[in-house]
Amino acid sequence: MKYTIIRNSKQYYKYAEILEKLVTEKGDRDDIDLLTLLIEDYDRRTGPAEIEMDPIDMIKFIMEENRMKDKDLAEILGVGRSYISLLLSRKRRLPLDKAIKLATHWKLDQAVLTRPYQVKRDLEMA
């Protein structure tokens, strides 16, 4: 397969999936090395923009990119769908432990999901 410089998140996630499969199945070392370099390059070029993104917007972005539904996120975090609804509508804060769990699951820098963000205070739950 011919690999190119990563130009968008769709291509990024496609290459990440291929890399994961190659590593798991002990695939061609040259392909693994090349994909690793391409992914790291994309991370360097786009990383600061992601870190500036609000944690909830980042979660929504990743969910959209991966065609995830609320129930999928609820399963990852081990919570109910109503909790996810409150979280995504900014009526509940993302606790540190859940942010770390998501960052680990999605292989993100934790800083992306632990930044402060606005919550609808009048409906915020403690």
Protein backbone atom coordinates (compact mmCIF):
# COMPACT_ATOMS: atom_id res chain seq x y z
CA MET A 1 0.00 0.00 0.00
CA LYS A 2 1.23 3.50 -0.79
CA TYR A 3 1.12 5.90 2.17
CA THR A 4 1.13 9.68 1.88
CA ILE A 5 1.43 12.67 4.19
CA ILE A 6 -1.68 12.79 6.40
CA ARG A 7 -3.85 15.75 5.41
CA ASN A 8 -7.04 15.29 7.46
CA SER A 9 -8.43 13.51 10.49
CA LYS A 10 -10.23 10.88 8.39
CA GLN A 11 -6.92 9.81 6.85
CA TYR A 12 -5.29 10.03 10.29
CA TYR A 13 -7.76 7.61 11.86
CA LYS A 14 -7.56 5.28 8.87
CA TYR A 15 -3.77 5.10 9.19
CA ALA A 16 -4.05 4.65 12.96
CA GLU A 17 -6.35 1.65 12.42
CA ILE A 18 -3.96 0.16 9.85
CA LEU A 19 -1.01 0.71 12.20
CA GLU A 20 -2.82 -0.92 15.10
CA LYS A 21 -3.62 -3.95 12.94
CA LEU A 22 -0.03 -4.20 11.69
CA VAL A 23 1.38 -3.99 15.21
CA THR A 24 -1.12 -6.53 16.55
CA GLU A 25 -0.47 -8.98 13.74
CA LYS A 26 3.31 -8.34 13.68
CA GLY A 27 3.09 -6.93 10.15
CA ASP A 28 5.79 -5.47 7.93
CA ARG A 29 8.26 -3.45 10.03
CA ASP A 30 8.82 -0.87 7.26
CA ASP A 31 5.07 -0.17 7.04
CA ILE A 32 4.87 0.13 10.83
CA ASP A 33 7.79 2.56 10.93
CA LEU A 34 6.45 4.66 8.06
CA LEU A 35 2.93 4.88 9.48
CA THR A 36 4.34 5.79 12.89
CA LEU A 37 6.33 8.64 11.35
CA LEU A 38 3.35 9.90 9.35
CA ILE A 39 1.06 9.82 12.40
CA GLU A 40 3.63 11.56 14.60
CA ASP A 41 4.12 14.21 11.92
CA TYR A 42 0.37 14.86 11.77
CA ASP A 43 0.20 15.02 15.57
CA ARG A 44 2.98 17.63 15.61
CA ARG A 45 1.29 19.69 12.90
CA THR A 46 -2.20 19.57 14.41
CA GLY A 47 -1.57 19.02 18.12
CA PRO A 48 -1.72 22.63 19.34
CA ALA A 49 -5.07 23.20 17.65
CA GLU A 50 -6.50 20.16 19.39
CA ILE A 51 -5.20 21.27 22.76
CA GLU A 52 -6.91 24.63 22.29
CA MET A 53 -10.21 22.90 21.61
CA ASP A 54 -12.73 22.79 24.43
CA PRO A 55 -12.92 19.27 25.99
CA ILE A 56 -16.60 18.82 25.16
CA ASP A 57 -16.07 19.98 21.57
CA MET A 58 -13.16 17.54 21.33
CA ILE A 59 -15.31 14.68 22.60
CA LYS A 60 -18.05 15.55 20.11
CA PHE A 61 -15.47 15.81 17.31
CA ILE A 62 -13.98 12.40 18.07
CA MET A 63 -17.43 10.87 18.39
CA GLU A 64 -18.43 12.29 15.02
CA GLU A 65 -15.19 11.20 13.35
CA ASN A 66 -15.67 7.66 14.66
CA ARG A 67 -19.45 7.59 14.12
CA MET A 68 -19.97 7.00 17.81
CA LYS A 69 -23.29 7.39 19.57
CA ASP A 70 -23.98 8.45 23.14
CA LYS A 71 -24.33 4.80 24.15
CA ASP A 72 -20.82 4.06 22.86
CA LEU A 73 -19.35 6.83 24.99
CA ALA A 74 -21.41 5.65 27.96
CA GLU A 75 -19.93 2.16 27.60
CA ILE A 76 -16.36 3.50 27.51
CA LEU A 77 -16.93 5.56 30.64
CA GLY A 78 -19.11 3.01 32.42
CA VAL A 79 -21.99 5.46 32.91
CA GLY A 80 -25.58 5.80 31.78
CA ARG A 81 -26.74 7.55 28.63
CA SER A 82 -28.44 10.29 30.66
CA TYR A 83 -25.04 11.17 32.18
CA ILE A 84 -23.60 11.47 28.65
CA SER A 85 -26.49 13.67 27.61
CA LEU A 86 -25.85 16.03 30.53
CA LEU A 87 -22.13 16.01 29.82
CA LEU A 88 -22.46 16.78 26.09
CA SER A 89 -25.02 19.52 26.73
CA ARG A 90 -22.58 21.09 29.22
CA LYS A 91 -24.90 20.61 32.18
CA ARG A 92 -22.35 18.41 33.94
CA ARG A 93 -18.58 18.63 34.23
CA LEU A 94 -16.28 15.90 32.98
CA PRO A 95 -14.60 14.56 36.14
CA LEU A 96 -10.85 14.14 36.06
CA ASP A 97 -11.02 10.33 36.29
CA LYS A 98 -13.40 10.15 33.32
CA ALA A 99 -11.25 12.60 31.31
CA ILE A 100 -8.19 10.44 31.95
CA LYS A 101 -10.12 7.30 31.03
CA LEU A 102 -11.19 8.83 27.70
CA ALA A 103 -7.74 10.24 26.96
CA THR A 104 -6.22 6.82 27.58
CA HIS A 105 -8.88 5.06 25.49
CA TRP A 106 -8.45 7.48 22.57
CA LYS A 107 -4.67 7.79 23.04
CA LEU A 108 -4.85 11.56 23.54
CA ASP A 109 -2.76 13.91 25.61
CA GLN A 110 -4.73 14.25 28.87
CA ALA A 111 -4.42 18.03 28.64
CA VAL A 112 -6.89 17.96 25.75
CA LEU A 113 -9.71 16.71 28.00
CA THR A 114 -8.76 18.19 31.37
CA ARG A 115 -8.86 21.86 30.37
CA PRO A 116 -11.48 24.02 32.11
CA TYR A 117 -14.63 24.82 30.15
CA GLN A 118 -17.95 26.56 30.66
CA VAL A 119 -20.82 24.64 32.23
CA LYS A 120 -24.44 25.81 32.35
CA ARG A 121 -24.25 26.78 36.01
CA ASP A 122 -27.98 27.04 36.66
CA LEU A 123 -28.42 23.35 35.84
CA GLU A 124 -25.02 22.03 36.91
CA MET A 125 -25.08 19.00 39.14
CA ALA A 126 -22.58 18.64 41.96
